[in-house]
PDB file of N, CA and C in Angstrom:
ATOM      1  N   MET A   1      25.937   6.851  22.754  1.00  0.00           N
ATOM      2  CA  MET A   1      26.139   7.012  21.947  1.00  0.00           C
ATOM      3  C   MET A   1      25.116   7.363  20.774  1.00  0.00           C
ATOM      4  N   ALA A   2      25.283   8.107  19.662  1.00  0.00           N
ATOM      5  CA  ALA A   2      23.602   8.606  18.874  1.00  0.00           C
ATOM      6  C   ALA A   2      24.469   7.677  17.148  1.00  0.00           C
ATOM      7  N   LEU A   3      23.148   6.932  16.901  1.00  0.00           N
ATOM      8  CA  LEU A   3      23.106   6.323  15.454  1.00  0.00           C
ATOM      9  C   LEU A   3      23.353   7.393  14.326  1.00  0.00           C
ATOM     10  N   SER A   4      23.961   7.138  13.567  1.00  0.00           N
ATOM     11  CA  SER A   4      24.264   7.919  12.194  1.00  0.00           C
ATOM     12  C   SER A   4      22.281   7.312  11.206  1.00  0.00           C
ATOM     13  N   TYR A   5      22.970   8.543  10.518  1.00  0.00           N
ATOM     14  CA  TYR A   5      21.829   8.396   9.950  1.00  0.00           C
ATOM     15  C   TYR A   5      20.991   7.180   9.106  1.00  0.00           C
ATOM     16  N   LYS A   6      22.057   6.583   8.290  1.00  0.00           N
ATOM     17  CA  LYS A   6      21.764   4.827   7.424  1.00  0.00           C
ATOM     18  C   LYS A   6      21.202   4.135   8.844  1.00  0.00           C
ATOM     19  N   ALA A   7      21.989   4.334  10.323  1.00  0.00           N
ATOM     20  CA  ALA A   7      21.921   2.856  11.000  1.00  0.00           C
ATOM     21  C   ALA A   7      20.333   2.631  11.656  1.00  0.00           C
ATOM     22  N   ARG A   8      20.035   4.244  11.612  1.00  0.00           N
ATOM     23  CA  ARG A   8      18.206   4.826  12.430  1.00  0.00           C
ATOM     24  C   ARG A   8      17.534   4.351  10.961  1.00  0.00           C
ATOM     25  N   ARG A   9      18.006   4.461  10.035  1.00  0.00           N
ATOM     26  CA  ARG A   9      17.236   4.045   8.798  1.00  0.00           C
ATOM     27  C   ARG A   9      16.702   2.605   8.952  1.00  0.00           C
ATOM     28  N   ARG A  10      18.189   1.778   9.364  1.00  0.00           N
ATOM     29  CA  ARG A  10      18.238   0.208   8.886  1.00  0.00           C
ATOM     30  C   ARG A  10      16.876   0.013  10.124  1.00  0.00           C
ATOM     31  N   TRP A  11      17.770   0.568  11.659  1.00  0.00           N
ATOM     32  CA  TRP A  11      16.842   0.134  12.383  1.00  0.00           C
ATOM     33  C   TRP A  11      15.480   0.390  11.817  1.00  0.00           C
ATOM     34  N   ALA A  12      14.526   1.710  11.735  1.00  0.00           N
ATOM     35  CA  ALA A  12      13.670   2.054  11.699  1.00  0.00           C
ATOM     36  C   ALA A  12      12.634   1.065  10.875  1.00  0.00           C
ATOM     37  N   LEU A  13      13.624   0.800   9.431  1.00  0.00           N
ATOM     38  CA  LEU A  13      13.029  -0.530   8.621  1.00  0.00           C
ATOM     39  C   LEU A  13      12.748  -2.201   9.196  1.00  0.00           C
ATOM     40  N   VAL A  14      14.059  -2.361  10.134  1.00  0.00           N
ATOM     41  CA  VAL A  14      13.897  -3.571  11.041  1.00  0.00           C
ATOM     42  C   VAL A  14      12.666  -3.607  12.001  1.00  0.00           C
ATOM     43  N   ILE A  15      12.001  -2.562  12.712  1.00  0.00           N
ATOM     44  CA  ILE A  15      10.957  -2.076  13.353  1.00  0.00           C
ATOM     45  C   ILE A  15       9.574  -2.687  12.805  1.00  0.00           C
ATOM     46  N   LEU A  16       9.464  -1.589  11.515  1.00  0.00           N
ATOM     47  CA  LEU A  16       8.203  -1.467  10.655  1.00  0.00           C
ATOM     48  C   LEU A  16       8.163  -2.754  10.144  1.00  0.00           C
ATOM     49  N   VAL A  17       9.161  -3.380   9.893  1.00  0.00           N
ATOM     50  CA  VAL A  17       8.792  -5.392   9.313  1.00  0.00           C
ATOM     51  C   VAL A  17       8.665  -5.934   9.909  1.00  0.00           C
ATOM     52  N   VAL A  18       9.454  -6.086  11.180  1.00  0.00           N
ATOM     53  CA  VAL A  18       9.193  -7.560  12.064  1.00  0.00           C
ATOM     54  C   VAL A  18       8.491  -6.998  13.477  1.00  0.00           C
ATOM     55  N   GLY A  19       9.284  -5.828  13.636  1.00  0.00           N
ATOM     56  CA  GLY A  19       8.758  -5.465  15.192  1.00  0.00           C
ATOM     57  C   GLY A  19       7.054  -5.288  14.873  1.00  0.00           C
ATOM     58  N   LEU A  20       6.361  -4.570  14.143  1.00  0.00           N
ATOM     59  CA  LEU A  20       5.228  -3.821  14.330  1.00  0.00           C
ATOM     60  C   LEU A  20       4.299  -4.648  13.635  1.00  0.00           C
ATOM     61  N   PRO A  21       4.452  -6.210  13.187  1.00  0.00           N
ATOM     62  CA  PRO A  21       3.583  -7.232  13.072  1.00  0.00           C
ATOM     63  C   PRO A  21       3.636  -7.681  14.425  1.00  0.00           C
ATOM     64  N   VAL A  22       4.602  -7.817  15.381  1.00  0.00           N
ATOM     65  CA  VAL A  22       4.884  -8.854  16.566  1.00  0.00           C
ATOM     66  C   VAL A  22       3.921  -7.933  17.160  1.00  0.00           C
ATOM     67  N   TYR A  23       4.158  -6.322  17.201  1.00  0.00           N
ATOM     68  CA  TYR A  23       2.976  -5.982  18.394  1.00  0.00           C
ATOM     69  C   TYR A  23       1.514  -5.804  18.048  1.00  0.00           C
ATOM     70  N   ILE A  24       1.045  -6.236  16.719  1.00  0.00           N
ATOM     71  CA  ILE A  24       0.012  -5.876  16.544  1.00  0.00           C
ATOM     72  C   ILE A  24      -0.348  -7.245  17.266  1.00  0.00           C
ATOM     73  N   LEU A  25       0.203  -8.108  16.983  1.00  0.00           N
ATOM     74  CA  LEU A  25      -0.582  -9.552  16.927  1.00  0.00           C
ATOM     75  C   LEU A  25      -0.709  -9.480  19.009  1.00  0.00           C
ATOM     76  N   VAL A  26       0.494  -8.880  19.370  1.00  0.00           N
ATOM     77  CA  VAL A  26       0.509  -9.205  21.170  1.00  0.00           C
ATOM     78  C   VAL A  26      -1.086  -8.064  21.502  1.00  0.00           C
ATOM     79  N   ALA A  27      -0.669  -6.831  20.766  1.00  0.00           N
ATOM     80  CA  ALA A  27      -2.279  -6.344  20.948  1.00  0.00           C
ATOM     81  C   ALA A  27      -3.565  -7.058  20.781  1.00  0.00           C
ATOM     82  N   SER A  28      -3.592  -7.459  19.821  1.00  0.00           N
ATOM     83  CA  SER A  28      -4.654  -8.358  19.942  1.00  0.00           C
ATOM     84  C   SER A  28      -4.867  -9.385  20.663  1.00  0.00           C
ATOM     85  N   VAL A  29      -4.368 -10.055  20.943  1.00  0.00           N
ATOM     86  CA  VAL A  29      -4.488 -11.042  21.760  1.00  0.00           C
ATOM     87  C   VAL A  29      -4.598 -10.212  23.229  1.00  0.00           C
ATOM     88  N   LEU A  30      -4.108  -9.375  23.643  1.00  0.00           N
ATOM     89  CA  LEU A  30      -3.942  -8.788  24.714  1.00  0.00           C
ATOM     90  C   LEU A  30      -5.726  -7.777  24.682  1.00  0.00           C
ATOM     91  N   ALA A  31      -6.150  -7.170  23.475  1.00  0.00           N
ATOM     92  CA  ALA A  31      -7.403  -6.713  23.759  1.00  0.00           C
ATOM     93  C   ALA A  31      -8.496  -7.972  23.838  1.00  0.00           C
ATOM     94  N   THR A  32      -8.026  -9.032  23.322  1.00  0.00           N
ATOM     95  CA  THR A  32      -9.296 -10.852  23.136  1.00  0.00           C
ATOM     96  C   THR A  32      -8.956 -10.982  24.762  1.00  0.00           C
ATOM     97  N   TRP A  33      -8.086 -10.801  25.179  1.00  0.00           N
ATOM     98  CA  TRP A  33      -7.663 -11.441  26.589  1.00  0.00           C
ATOM     99  C   TRP A  33      -8.612 -10.600  27.171  1.00  0.00           C
ATOM    100  N   LEU A  34      -8.633  -9.276  27.248  1.00  0.00           N
ATOM    101  CA  LEU A  34      -9.424  -8.322  28.764  1.00  0.00           C
ATOM    102  C   LEU A  34     -10.914  -7.920  27.929  1.00  0.00           C
ATOM    103  N   ASN A  35     -11.186  -8.420  26.923  1.00  0.00           N
ATOM    104  CA  ASN A  35     -12.304  -8.565  26.052  1.00  0.00           C
ATOM    105  C   ASN A  35     -13.028  -7.579  26.858  1.00  0.00           C
ATOM    106  N   PRO A  36     -13.296  -6.464  26.391  1.00  0.00           N
ATOM    107  CA  PRO A  36     -13.563  -5.226  26.391  1.00  0.00           C
ATOM    108  C   PRO A  36     -15.438  -4.972  26.163  1.00  0.00           C
ATOM    109  N   SER A  37     -16.077  -4.491  27.172  1.00  0.00           N
ATOM    110  CA  SER A  37     -17.589  -4.652  27.430  1.00  0.00           C
ATOM    111  C   SER A  37     -18.128  -3.682  26.204  1.00  0.00           C
ATOM    112  N   SER A  38     -17.667  -2.742  25.703  1.00  0.00           N
ATOM    113  CA  SER A  38     -18.678  -1.478  25.023  1.00  0.00           C
ATOM    114  C   SER A  38     -17.319  -1.204  23.650  1.00  0.00           C
ATOM    115  N   PHE A  39     -17.911  -1.183  22.864  1.00  0.00           N
ATOM    116  CA  PHE A  39     -17.375  -0.554  21.516  1.00  0.00           C
ATOM    117  C   PHE A  39     -16.558   0.785  21.435  1.00  0.00           C
ATOM    118  N   LEU A  40     -16.820   1.740  22.699  1.00  0.00           N
ATOM    119  CA  LEU A  40     -15.829   3.003  22.986  1.00  0.00           C
ATOM    120  C   LEU A  40     -14.564   2.512  23.574  1.00  0.00           C
ATOM    121  N   VAL A  41     -14.734   1.192  24.659  1.00  0.00           N
ATOM    122  CA  VAL A  41     -13.599   1.019  25.122  1.00  0.00           C
ATOM    123  C   VAL A  41     -12.629  -0.005  24.601  1.00  0.00           C
ATOM    124  N   THR A  42     -13.492  -0.643  23.603  1.00  0.00           N
ATOM    125  CA  THR A  42     -12.689  -1.265  22.652  1.00  0.00           C
ATOM    126  C   THR A  42     -11.494  -0.433  21.790  1.00  0.00           C
ATOM    127  N   LEU A  43     -12.385   0.556  21.609  1.00  0.00           N
ATOM    128  CA  LEU A  43     -11.795   1.845  20.280  1.00  0.00           C
ATOM    129  C   LEU A  43     -10.490   2.383  21.373  1.00  0.00           C
ATOM    130  N   GLY A  44     -11.297   2.643  22.288  1.00  0.00           N
ATOM    131  CA  GLY A  44      -9.750   3.383  23.085  1.00  0.00           C
ATOM    132  C   GLY A  44      -8.699   2.614  23.489  1.00  0.00           C
ATOM    133  N   LEU A  45      -9.098   1.336  23.795  1.00  0.00           N
ATOM    134  CA  LEU A  45      -8.177   0.138  23.861  1.00  0.00           C
ATOM    135  C   LEU A  45      -6.978   0.622  22.866  1.00  0.00           C
ATOM    136  N   TYR A  46      -7.313   0.107  21.545  1.00  0.00           N
ATOM    137  CA  TYR A  46      -6.977  -0.037  20.372  1.00  0.00           C
ATOM    138  C   TYR A  46      -5.934   1.535  19.778  1.00  0.00           C
ATOM    139  N   VAL A  47      -6.583   2.282  20.232  1.00  0.00           N
ATOM    140  CA  VAL A  47      -5.921   3.567  19.597  1.00  0.00           C
ATOM    141  C   VAL A  47      -5.561   4.125  21.036  1.00  0.00           C
ATOM    142  N   GLY A  48      -5.184   3.778  22.151  1.00  0.00           N
ATOM    143  CA  GLY A  48      -4.173   3.475  23.172  1.00  0.00           C
ATOM    144  C   GLY A  48      -2.974   2.920  22.472  1.00  0.00           C
ATOM    145  N   LEU A  49      -2.963   1.521  22.543  1.00  0.00           N
ATOM    146  CA  LEU A  49      -2.066   0.270  21.647  1.00  0.00           C
ATOM    147  C   LEU A  49      -1.375   1.399  20.818  1.00  0.00           C
ATOM    148  N   GLY A  50      -2.374   1.624  19.933  1.00  0.00           N
ATOM    149  CA  GLY A  50      -1.695   2.097  18.104  1.00  0.00           C
ATOM    150  C   GLY A  50      -0.503   3.385  18.713  1.00  0.00           C
ATOM    151  N   ILE A  51      -0.881   3.998  19.746  1.00  0.00           N
ATOM    152  CA  ILE A  51       0.292   4.894  20.086  1.00  0.00           C
ATOM    153  C   ILE A  51       0.841   5.073  21.286  1.00  0.00           C
ATOM    154  N   VAL A  52       1.060   3.468  21.997  1.00  0.00           N
ATOM    155  CA  VAL A  52       2.140   3.935  22.885  1.00  0.00           C
ATOM    156  C   VAL A  52       3.451   2.994  22.121  1.00  0.00           C
ATOM    157  N   TRP A  53       2.769   2.231  21.262  1.00  0.00           N
ATOM    158  CA  TRP A  53       4.155   1.293  20.448  1.00  0.00           C
ATOM    159  C   TRP A  53       5.667   2.025  19.472  1.00  0.00           C
ATOM    160  N   VAL A  54       4.748   3.288  19.805  1.00  0.00           N
ATOM    161  CA  VAL A  54       5.991   4.735  18.237  1.00  0.00           C
ATOM    162  C   VAL A  54       6.776   4.997  19.799  1.00  0.00           C
ATOM    163  N   LEU A  55       6.250   5.157  20.837  1.00  0.00           N
ATOM    164  CA  LEU A  55       6.585   6.200  21.975  1.00  0.00           C
ATOM    165  C   LEU A  55       8.235   5.721  22.740  1.00  0.00           C
ATOM    166  N   PRO A  56       8.654   4.370  22.532  1.00  0.00           N
ATOM    167  CA  PRO A  56      10.411   4.245  22.772  1.00  0.00           C
ATOM    168  C   PRO A  56      11.264   4.303  21.409  1.00  0.00           C
ATOM    169  N   PHE A  57      10.496   4.537  20.137  1.00  0.00           N
ATOM    170  CA  PHE A  57      11.202   4.346  19.074  1.00  0.00           C
ATOM    171  C   PHE A  57      11.512   5.588  18.457  1.00  0.00           C
ATOM    172  N   LYS A  58      10.638   6.523  18.986  1.00  0.00           N
ATOM    173  CA  LYS A  58      10.558   8.220  18.792  1.00  0.00           C
ATOM    174  C   LYS A  58      11.910   8.903  18.003  1.00  0.00           C
ATOM    175  N   SER A  59      13.094   8.404  19.020  1.00  0.00           N
ATOM    176  CA  SER A  59      14.511   8.751  18.758  1.00  0.00           C
ATOM    177  C   SER A  59      14.572   8.063  16.975  1.00  0.00           C
ATOM    178  N   ILE A  60      14.267   7.450  16.929  1.00  0.00           N
ATOM    179  CA  ILE A  60      14.619   6.285  15.957  1.00  0.00           C
ATOM    180  C   ILE A  60      13.991   7.295  14.702  1.00  0.00           C
ATOM    181  N   PHE A  61      13.053   7.334  15.067  1.00  0.00           N
ATOM    182  CA  PHE A  61      12.232   7.633  13.557  1.00  0.00           C
ATOM    183  C   PHE A  61      12.534   9.367  12.959  1.00  0.00           C
ATOM    184  N   MET A  62      12.913  10.073  13.711  1.00  0.00           N
ATOM    185  CA  MET A  62      13.005  10.978  14.040  1.00  0.00           C
ATOM    186  C   MET A  62      13.796  11.799  12.728  1.00  0.00           C
ATOM    187  N   GLY A  63      13.265  12.036  11.768  1.00  0.00           N
ATOM    188  CA  GLY A  63      14.351  12.757  10.555  1.00  0.00           C
ATOM    189  C   GLY A  63      14.356  11.473   9.097  1.00  0.00           C
ATOM    190  N   ILE A  64      13.947  10.560   9.395  1.00  0.00           N
ATOM    191  CA  ILE A  64      14.211   9.272   8.606  1.00  0.00           C
ATOM    192  C   ILE A  64      13.567   9.840   6.881  1.00  0.00           C
ATOM    193  N   GLY A  65      12.504  10.921   7.102  1.00  0.00           N
ATOM    194  CA  GLY A  65      11.601  11.319   5.747  1.00  0.00           C
ATOM    195  C   GLY A  65      13.015  12.175   5.196  1.00  0.00           C
ATOM    196  N   GLN A  66      13.708  12.979   5.677  1.00  0.00           N
ATOM    197  CA  GLN A  66      14.302  13.955   4.965  1.00  0.00           C
ATOM    198  C   GLN A  66      15.823  13.072   4.356  1.00  0.00           C
ATOM    199  N   ALA A  67      16.870  14.819   4.160  1.00  0.00           N
ATOM    200  CA  ALA A  67      17.705  14.021   3.616  1.00  0.00           C
ATOM    201  C   ALA A  67      18.752  13.578   4.459  1.00  0.00           C
ATOM    202  N   ASP A  68      20.042  13.145   3.740  1.00  0.00           N
ATOM    203  CA  ASP A  68      20.716  12.152   4.992  1.00  0.00           C
ATOM    204  C   ASP A  68      21.530  13.616   5.138  1.00  0.00           C
ATOM    205  N   PRO A  69      21.824  14.293   6.791  1.00  0.00           N
ATOM    206  CA  PRO A  69      22.608  15.551   6.833  1.00  0.00           C
ATOM    207  C   PRO A  69      23.553  15.294   6.890  1.00  0.00           C
ATOM    208  N   ASP A  70      24.363  13.741   6.805  1.00  0.00           N
ATOM    209  CA  ASP A  70      25.667  13.533   6.734  1.00  0.00           C
ATOM    210  C   ASP A  70      26.367  13.514   5.431  1.00  0.00           C
ATOM    211  N   ALA A  71      25.480  13.614   4.628  1.00  0.00           N
ATOM    212  CA  ALA A  71      25.818  12.775   3.218  1.00  0.00           C
ATOM    213  C   ALA A  71      26.681  14.423   2.708  1.00  0.00           C
ATOM    214  N   PRO A  72      27.372  14.458   1.469  1.00  0.00           N
ATOM    215  CA  PRO A  72      27.777  15.989   1.278  1.00  0.00           C
ATOM    216  C   PRO A  72      27.327  16.147  -0.099  1.00  0.00           C
ATOM    217  N   PRO A  73      27.366  17.572  -0.179  1.00  0.00           N
ATOM    218  CA  PRO A  73      26.282  18.291  -0.765  1.00  0.00           C
ATOM    219  C   PRO A  73      26.249  18.235  -1.939  1.00  0.00           C
ATOM    220  N   GLU A  74      25.360  17.859  -3.116  1.00  0.00           N
ATOM    221  CA  GLU A  74      25.429  17.433  -3.975  1.00  0.00           C
ATOM    222  C   GLU A  74      25.343  18.651  -4.996  1.00  0.00           C
ATOM    223  N   ASP A  75      26.214  18.950  -6.102  1.00  0.00           N
ATOM    224  CA  ASP A  75      25.858  19.991  -7.192  1.00  0.00           C
ATOM    225  C   ASP A  75      25.314  19.664  -7.893  1.00  0.00           C
ATOM    226  N   ASP A  76      24.629  20.985  -7.847  1.00  0.00           N
ATOM    227  CA  ASP A  76      23.020  21.102  -8.691  1.00  0.00           C
ATOM    228  C   ASP A  76      23.662  22.134 -10.116  1.00  0.00           C
ATOM    229  N   VAL A  77      23.905  21.591 -10.922  1.00  0.00           N
ATOM    230  CA  VAL A  77      24.096  22.000 -12.481  1.00  0.00           C
ATOM    231  C   VAL A  77      22.993  21.403 -13.478  1.00  0.00           C
ATOM    232  N   TYR A  78      23.064  22.424 -14.462  1.00  0.00           N
ATOM    233  CA  TYR A  78      21.908  22.050 -14.781  1.00  0.00           C
ATOM    234  C   TYR A  78      22.125  22.592 -16.178  1.00  0.00           C
TER     235      TYR A  78
END
């Protein structure tokens, strides 16, 4: 079952406000625990982890910045 536009907007907000800070903490702990030896390895680790978090939520974030496709059209009266 596909989520409605409003439900996707709400889930996107929850993911960004709650899930992303939690993921940042987990990624920081993971990077500290792995203790990469060079700057480039550390940079690659953080860039990789920065991209990986959004992949499961791609369908939720698609089209969120656009107008609601289910809303009735507004009459443009000048």
